PDB file of N, CA and C in Angstrom:
ATOM      1  N   MET A   1     -26.194  12.786  38.288  1.00  0.00           N
ATOM      2  CA  MET A   1     -25.480  13.668  37.409  1.00  0.00           C
ATOM      3  C   MET A   1     -24.244  14.251  38.093  1.00  0.00           C
ATOM      4  N   GLU A   2     -24.376  14.525  39.380  1.00  0.00           N
ATOM      5  CA  GLU A   2     -23.237  15.089  40.103  1.00  0.00           C
ATOM      6  C   GLU A   2     -22.094  14.096  40.222  1.00  0.00           C
ATOM      7  N   SER A   3     -22.383  12.826  40.380  1.00  0.00           N
ATOM      8  CA  SER A   3     -21.323  11.822  40.525  1.00  0.00           C
ATOM      9  C   SER A   3     -20.479  11.736  39.258  1.00  0.00           C
ATOM     10  N   THR A   4     -21.109  11.925  38.107  1.00  0.00           N
ATOM     11  CA  THR A   4     -20.370  11.923  36.850  1.00  0.00           C
ATOM     12  C   THR A   4     -19.424  13.117  36.781  1.00  0.00           C
ATOM     13  N   LYS A   5     -19.871  14.245  37.203  1.00  0.00           N
ATOM     14  CA  LYS A   5     -19.024  15.432  37.192  1.00  0.00           C
ATOM     15  C   LYS A   5     -17.825  15.253  38.113  1.00  0.00           C
ATOM     16  N   ARG A   6     -18.050  14.650  39.275  1.00  0.00           N
ATOM     17  CA  ARG A   6     -16.946  14.441  40.204  1.00  0.00           C
ATOM     18  C   ARG A   6     -15.969  13.386  39.685  1.00  0.00           C
ATOM     19  N   ALA A   7     -16.470  12.418  38.947  1.00  0.00           N
ATOM     20  CA  ALA A   7     -15.621  11.328  38.481  1.00  0.00           C
ATOM     21  C   ALA A   7     -14.628  11.794  37.419  1.00  0.00           C
ATOM     22  N   TRP A   8     -14.968  12.828  36.663  1.00  0.00           N
ATOM     23  CA  TRP A   8     -14.093  13.297  35.584  1.00  0.00           C
ATOM     24  C   TRP A   8     -13.478  14.651  35.940  1.00  0.00           C
ATOM     25  N   ASN A   9     -12.670  14.642  36.967  1.00  0.00           N
ATOM     26  CA  ASN A   9     -11.954  15.865  37.337  1.00  0.00           C
ATOM     27  C   ASN A   9     -10.664  15.973  36.534  1.00  0.00           C
ATOM     28  N   ASP A  10      -9.917  17.033  36.762  1.00  0.00           N
ATOM     29  CA  ASP A  10      -8.689  17.262  35.996  1.00  0.00           C
ATOM     30  C   ASP A  10      -7.687  16.127  36.164  1.00  0.00           C
ATOM     31  N   GLU A  11      -7.603  15.593  37.365  1.00  0.00           N
ATOM     32  CA  GLU A  11      -6.657  14.500  37.614  1.00  0.00           C
ATOM     33  C   GLU A  11      -7.011  13.268  36.790  1.00  0.00           C
ATOM     34  N   ARG A  12      -8.292  12.927  36.728  1.00  0.00           N
ATOM     35  CA  ARG A  12      -8.727  11.768  35.940  1.00  0.00           C
ATOM     36  C   ARG A  12      -8.490  12.007  34.450  1.00  0.00           C
ATOM     37  N   MET A  13      -8.751  13.232  34.007  1.00  0.00           N
ATOM     38  CA  MET A  13      -8.530  13.547  32.598  1.00  0.00           C
ATOM     39  C   MET A  13      -7.046  13.438  32.246  1.00  0.00           C
ATOM     40  N   ASP A  14      -6.177  13.905  33.132  1.00  0.00           N
ATOM     41  CA  ASP A  14      -4.735  13.775  32.903  1.00  0.00           C
ATOM     42  C   ASP A  14      -4.320  12.314  32.863  1.00  0.00           C
ATOM     43  N   GLU A  15      -4.879  11.504  33.762  1.00  0.00           N
ATOM     44  CA  GLU A  15      -4.579  10.070  33.774  1.00  0.00           C
ATOM     45  C   GLU A  15      -5.035   9.405  32.471  1.00  0.00           C
ATOM     46  N   PHE A  16      -6.230   9.768  32.027  1.00  0.00           N
ATOM     47  CA  PHE A  16      -6.752   9.229  30.774  1.00  0.00           C
ATOM     48  C   PHE A  16      -5.866   9.619  29.593  1.00  0.00           C
ATOM     49  N   ALA A  17      -5.436  10.876  29.561  1.00  0.00           N
ATOM     50  CA  ALA A  17      -4.572  11.346  28.480  1.00  0.00           C
ATOM     51  C   ALA A  17      -3.241  10.600  28.488  1.00  0.00           C
ATOM     52  N   THR A  18      -2.691  10.375  29.661  1.00  0.00           N
ATOM     53  CA  THR A  18      -1.421   9.649  29.771  1.00  0.00           C
ATOM     54  C   THR A  18      -1.565   8.208  29.291  1.00  0.00           C
ATOM     55  N   ARG A  19      -2.634   7.544  29.730  1.00  0.00           N
ATOM     56  CA  ARG A  19      -2.847   6.160  29.292  1.00  0.00           C
ATOM     57  C   ARG A  19      -3.083   6.087  27.786  1.00  0.00           C
ATOM     58  N   THR A  20      -3.796   7.049  27.244  1.00  0.00           N
ATOM     59  CA  THR A  20      -4.051   7.083  25.806  1.00  0.00           C
ATOM     60  C   THR A  20      -2.746   7.273  25.042  1.00  0.00           C
ATOM     61  N   ASP A  21      -1.910   8.189  25.502  1.00  0.00           N
ATOM     62  CA  ASP A  21      -0.607   8.395  24.849  1.00  0.00           C
ATOM     63  C   ASP A  21       0.239   7.131  24.881  1.00  0.00           C
ATOM     64  N   GLU A  22       0.253   6.442  26.019  1.00  0.00           N
ATOM     65  CA  GLU A  22       1.030   5.197  26.133  1.00  0.00           C
ATOM     66  C   GLU A  22       0.485   4.133  25.192  1.00  0.00           C
ATOM     67  N   SER A  23      -0.836   4.056  25.080  1.00  0.00           N
ATOM     68  CA  SER A  23      -1.435   3.066  24.173  1.00  0.00           C
ATOM     69  C   SER A  23      -1.065   3.354  22.728  1.00  0.00           C
ATOM     70  N   PHE A  24      -1.088   4.616  22.342  1.00  0.00           N
ATOM     71  CA  PHE A  24      -0.716   4.967  20.974  1.00  0.00           C
ATOM     72  C   PHE A  24       0.758   4.690  20.714  1.00  0.00           C
ATOM     73  N   LYS A  25       1.602   4.867  21.719  1.00  0.00           N
ATOM     74  CA  LYS A  25       3.023   4.534  21.555  1.00  0.00           C
ATOM     75  C   LYS A  25       3.172   3.042  21.299  1.00  0.00           C
ATOM     76  N   ASP A  26       2.401   2.226  22.030  1.00  0.00           N
ATOM     77  CA  ASP A  26       2.445   0.782  21.812  1.00  0.00           C
ATOM     78  C   ASP A  26       1.989   0.428  20.404  1.00  0.00           C
ATOM     79  N   VAL A  27       0.913   1.062  19.964  1.00  0.00           N
ATOM     80  CA  VAL A  27       0.379   0.786  18.623  1.00  0.00           C
ATOM     81  C   VAL A  27       1.393   1.192  17.564  1.00  0.00           C
ATOM     82  N   ARG A  28       2.019   2.350  17.743  1.00  0.00           N
ATOM     83  CA  ARG A  28       3.035   2.786  16.768  1.00  0.00           C
ATOM     84  C   ARG A  28       4.190   1.792  16.699  1.00  0.00           C
ATOM     85  N   GLY A  29       4.597   1.278  17.859  1.00  0.00           N
ATOM     86  CA  GLY A  29       5.667   0.277  17.874  1.00  0.00           C
ATOM     87  C   GLY A  29       5.264  -0.986  17.136  1.00  0.00           C
ATOM     88  N   GLU A  30       4.037  -1.418  17.346  1.00  0.00           N
ATOM     89  CA  GLU A  30       3.559  -2.615  16.654  1.00  0.00           C
ATOM     90  C   GLU A  30       3.482  -2.379  15.145  1.00  0.00           C
ATOM     91  N   ILE A  31       3.057  -1.186  14.753  1.00  0.00           N
ATOM     92  CA  ILE A  31       2.987  -0.865  13.324  1.00  0.00           C
ATOM     93  C   ILE A  31       4.387  -0.903  12.715  1.00  0.00           C
ATOM     94  N   ARG A  32       5.382  -0.379  13.430  1.00  0.00           N
ATOM     95  CA  ARG A  32       6.761  -0.424  12.928  1.00  0.00           C
ATOM     96  C   ARG A  32       7.231  -1.866  12.752  1.00  0.00           C
ATOM     97  N   GLU A  33       6.895  -2.727  13.707  1.00  0.00           N
ATOM     98  CA  GLU A  33       7.291  -4.140  13.612  1.00  0.00           C
ATOM     99  C   GLU A  33       6.637  -4.800  12.406  1.00  0.00           C
ATOM    100  N   VAL A  34       5.355  -4.554  12.225  1.00  0.00           N
ATOM    101  CA  VAL A  34       4.634  -5.159  11.095  1.00  0.00           C
ATOM    102  C   VAL A  34       5.192  -4.627   9.780  1.00  0.00           C
ATOM    103  N   ARG A  35       5.468  -3.335   9.739  1.00  0.00           N
ATOM    104  CA  ARG A  35       6.019  -2.736   8.523  1.00  0.00           C
ATOM    105  C   ARG A  35       7.373  -3.331   8.189  1.00  0.00           C
ATOM    106  N   ALA A  36       8.217  -3.536   9.204  1.00  0.00           N
ATOM    107  CA  ALA A  36       9.531  -4.138   8.965  1.00  0.00           C
ATOM    108  C   ALA A  36       9.384  -5.568   8.457  1.00  0.00           C
ATOM    109  N   GLU A  37       8.437  -6.310   9.038  1.00  0.00           N
ATOM    110  CA  GLU A  37       8.208  -7.689   8.590  1.00  0.00           C
ATOM    111  C   GLU A  37       7.702  -7.698   7.141  1.00  0.00           C
ATOM    112  N   MET A  38       6.788  -6.791   6.820  1.00  0.00           N
ATOM    113  CA  MET A  38       6.268  -6.718   5.452  1.00  0.00           C
ATOM    114  C   MET A  38       7.370  -6.353   4.463  1.00  0.00           C
ATOM    115  N   ASN A  39       8.228  -5.420   4.837  1.00  0.00           N
ATOM    116  CA  ASN A  39       9.336  -5.044   3.952  1.00  0.00           C
ATOM    117  C   ASN A  39      10.242  -6.239   3.686  1.00  0.00           C
ATOM    118  N   GLY A  40      10.508  -7.035   4.714  1.00  0.00           N
ATOM    119  CA  GLY A  40      11.326  -8.233   4.535  1.00  0.00           C
ATOM    120  C   GLY A  40      10.663  -9.233   3.608  1.00  0.00           C
ATOM    121  N   ARG A  41       9.376  -9.428   3.804  1.00  0.00           N
ATOM    122  CA  ARG A  41       8.660 -10.378   2.947  1.00  0.00           C
ATOM    123  C   ARG A  41       8.593  -9.896   1.497  1.00  0.00           C
ATOM    124  N   PHE A  42       8.361  -8.607   1.312  1.00  0.00           N
ATOM    125  CA  PHE A  42       8.326  -8.069  -0.049  1.00  0.00           C
ATOM    126  C   PHE A  42       9.690  -8.172  -0.719  1.00  0.00           C
ATOM    127  N   ALA A  43      10.753  -7.968   0.040  1.00  0.00           N
ATOM    128  CA  ALA A  43      12.097  -8.094  -0.527  1.00  0.00           C
ATOM    129  C   ALA A  43      12.343  -9.524  -0.974  1.00  0.00           C
ATOM    130  N   THR A  44      11.914 -10.485  -0.165  1.00  0.00           N
ATOM    131  CA  THR A  44      12.058 -11.895  -0.529  1.00  0.00           C
ATOM    132  C   THR A  44      11.245 -12.212  -1.783  1.00  0.00           C
ATOM    133  N   LEU A  45      10.021 -11.721  -1.811  1.00  0.00           N
ATOM    134  CA  LEU A  45       9.160 -11.953  -2.978  1.00  0.00           C
ATOM    135  C   LEU A  45       9.748 -11.305  -4.227  1.00  0.00           C
ATOM    136  N   GLU A  46      10.267 -10.109  -4.081  1.00  0.00           N
ATOM    137  CA  GLU A  46      10.882  -9.419  -5.212  1.00  0.00           C
ATOM    138  C   GLU A  46      12.078 -10.204  -5.752  1.00  0.00           C
ATOM    139  N   ALA A  47      12.890 -10.759  -4.854  1.00  0.00           N
ATOM    140  CA  ALA A  47      14.045 -11.549  -5.290  1.00  0.00           C
ATOM    141  C   ALA A  47      13.597 -12.802  -6.038  1.00  0.00           C
ATOM    142  N   LYS A  48      12.534 -13.451  -5.545  1.00  0.00           N
ATOM    143  CA  LYS A  48      12.029 -14.650  -6.230  1.00  0.00           C
ATOM    144  C   LYS A  48      11.484 -14.306  -7.614  1.00  0.00           C
ATOM    145  N   ILE A  49      10.740 -13.212  -7.702  1.00  0.00           N
ATOM    146  CA  ILE A  49      10.186 -12.805  -9.002  1.00  0.00           C
ATOM    147  C   ILE A  49      11.309 -12.460  -9.967  1.00  0.00           C
ATOM    148  N   GLU A  50      12.316 -11.753  -9.476  1.00  0.00           N
ATOM    149  CA  GLU A  50      13.449 -11.395 -10.336  1.00  0.00           C
ATOM    150  C   GLU A  50      14.181 -12.645 -10.829  1.00  0.00           C
ATOM    151  N   GLN A  51      14.363 -13.618  -9.948  1.00  0.00           N
ATOM    152  CA  GLN A  51      15.026 -14.865 -10.349  1.00  0.00           C
ATOM    153  C   GLN A  51      14.222 -15.587 -11.431  1.00  0.00           C
ATOM    154  N   ARG A  52      12.911 -15.668 -11.229  1.00  0.00           N
ATOM    155  CA  ARG A  52      12.062 -16.344 -12.209  1.00  0.00           C
ATOM    156  C   ARG A  52      12.039 -15.588 -13.534  1.00  0.00           C
ATOM    157  N   PHE A  53      12.034 -14.263 -13.478  1.00  0.00           N
ATOM    158  CA  PHE A  53      12.070 -13.467 -14.695  1.00  0.00           C
ATOM    159  C   PHE A  53      13.371 -13.702 -15.449  1.00  0.00           C
ATOM    160  N   ASN A  54      14.469 -13.776 -14.729  1.00  0.00           N
ATOM    161  CA  ASN A  54      15.754 -14.037 -15.379  1.00  0.00           C
ATOM    162  C   ASN A  54      15.761 -15.404 -16.053  1.00  0.00           C
ATOM    163  N   ILE A  55      15.182 -16.396 -15.413  1.00  0.00           N
ATOM    164  CA  ILE A  55      15.087 -17.734 -16.017  1.00  0.00           C
ATOM    165  C   ILE A  55      14.222 -17.682 -17.274  1.00  0.00           C
ATOM    166  N   LEU A  56      13.073 -17.005 -17.171  1.00  0.00           N
ATOM    167  CA  LEU A  56      12.181 -16.888 -18.321  1.00  0.00           C
ATOM    168  C   LEU A  56      12.850 -16.146 -19.473  1.00  0.00           C
ATOM    169  N   PHE A  57      13.527 -15.044 -19.165  1.00  0.00           N
ATOM    170  CA  PHE A  57      14.218 -14.281 -20.198  1.00  0.00           C
ATOM    171  C   PHE A  57      15.317 -15.112 -20.849  1.00  0.00           C
ATOM    172  N   GLY A  58      16.048 -15.884 -20.040  1.00  0.00           N
ATOM    173  CA  GLY A  58      17.089 -16.758 -20.588  1.00  0.00           C
ATOM    174  C   GLY A  58      16.504 -17.806 -21.514  1.00  0.00           C
ATOM    175  N   ALA A  59      15.363 -18.372 -21.125  1.00  0.00           N
ATOM    176  CA  ALA A  59      14.727 -19.382 -21.972  1.00  0.00           C
ATOM    177  C   ALA A  59      14.239 -18.763 -23.287  1.00  0.00           C
ATOM    178  N   LEU A  60      13.655 -17.570 -23.191  1.00  0.00           N
ATOM    179  CA  LEU A  60      13.192 -16.905 -24.416  1.00  0.00           C
ATOM    180  C   LEU A  60      14.359 -16.523 -25.327  1.00  0.00           C
ATOM    181  N   ALA A  61      15.428 -16.029 -24.743  1.00  0.00           N
ATOM    182  CA  ALA A  61      16.598 -15.659 -25.544  1.00  0.00           C
ATOM    183  C   ALA A  61      17.206 -16.890 -26.199  1.00  0.00           C
ATOM    184  N   THR A  62      17.284 -17.984 -25.454  1.00  0.00           N
ATOM    185  CA  THR A  62      17.824 -19.220 -26.007  1.00  0.00           C
ATOM    186  C   THR A  62      16.948 -19.719 -27.156  1.00  0.00           C
ATOM    187  N   GLY A  63      15.634 -19.666 -26.963  1.00  0.00           N
ATOM    188  CA  GLY A  63      14.716 -20.082 -28.027  1.00  0.00           C
ATOM    189  C   GLY A  63      14.825 -19.205 -29.254  1.00  0.00           C
ATOM    190  N   PHE A  64      14.967 -17.916 -29.062  1.00  0.00           N
ATOM    191  CA  PHE A  64      15.106 -16.993 -30.183  1.00  0.00           C
ATOM    192  C   PHE A  64      16.394 -17.249 -30.948  1.00  0.00           C
ATOM    193  N   VAL A  65      17.491 -17.419 -30.213  1.00  0.00           N
ATOM    194  CA  VAL A  65      18.771 -17.710 -30.865  1.00  0.00           C
ATOM    195  C   VAL A  65      18.680 -19.033 -31.617  1.00  0.00           C
ATOM    196  N   GLY A  66      18.049 -20.021 -31.002  1.00  0.00           N
ATOM    197  CA  GLY A  66      17.877 -21.313 -31.685  1.00  0.00           C
ATOM    198  C   GLY A  66      17.055 -21.185 -32.949  1.00  0.00           C
ATOM    199  N   ALA A  67      15.998 -20.378 -32.916  1.00  0.00           N
ATOM    200  CA  ALA A  67      15.160 -20.188 -34.101  1.00  0.00           C
ATOM    201  C   ALA A  67      15.928 -19.469 -35.209  1.00  0.00           C
ATOM    202  N   VAL A  68      16.723 -18.470 -34.843  1.00  0.00           N
ATOM    203  CA  VAL A  68      17.503 -17.741 -35.839  1.00  0.00           C
ATOM    204  C   VAL A  68      18.556 -18.662 -36.453  1.00  0.00           C
ATOM    205  N   VAL A  69      19.243 -19.409 -35.629  1.00  0.00           N
ATOM    206  CA  VAL A  69      20.286 -20.307 -36.124  1.00  0.00           C
ATOM    207  C   VAL A  69      19.685 -21.376 -37.035  1.00  0.00           C
ATOM    208  N   SER A  70      18.568 -21.961 -36.624  1.00  0.00           N
ATOM    209  CA  SER A  70      17.956 -23.008 -37.457  1.00  0.00           C
ATOM    210  C   SER A  70      17.397 -22.430 -38.766  1.00  0.00           C
ATOM    211  N   HIS A  71      16.997 -21.199 -38.746  1.00  0.00           N
ATOM    212  CA  HIS A  71      16.505 -20.574 -39.973  1.00  0.00           C
ATOM    213  C   HIS A  71      17.627 -20.395 -40.988  1.00  0.00           C
ATOM    214  N   PHE A  72      18.771 -19.911 -40.496  1.00  0.00           N
ATOM    215  CA  PHE A  72      19.868 -19.657 -41.431  1.00  0.00           C
ATOM    216  C   PHE A  72      20.670 -20.907 -41.755  1.00  0.00           C
ATOM    217  N   LEU A  73      20.693 -21.872 -40.866  1.00  0.00           N
ATOM    218  CA  LEU A  73      21.459 -23.092 -41.141  1.00  0.00           C
ATOM    219  C   LEU A  73      20.586 -24.221 -41.652  1.00  0.00           C
ATOM    220  N   GLY A  74      19.307 -24.112 -41.470  1.00  0.00           N
ATOM    221  CA  GLY A  74      18.406 -25.200 -41.822  1.00  0.00           C
ATOM    222  C   GLY A  74      18.089 -25.275 -43.241  1.00  0.00           C
TER     223      GLY A  74
END
C-alpha cells in the first residue's frame, strides 16, 4: 500500500495532467480535421443533389409545358 502512495506524488500527478492535456489537444486537432473533411464531402453531396434537382425540375417543367401546349393545340 505504501508503494502506491509513493508512486503517485505531486510530480507524477502533474506529469499525468500534462500528458492528458496533450492527448486531448491531439484529439481536438483530429476532430477538426474530420469535421473539415465532412464539411467538404457534404458540400460536394449538396452540389450533386442540387444539380439533380435542377435536372428533375427542368424535366417536369418541360413535360408540363408540353402537356399544356398539346392540350390547347391538339
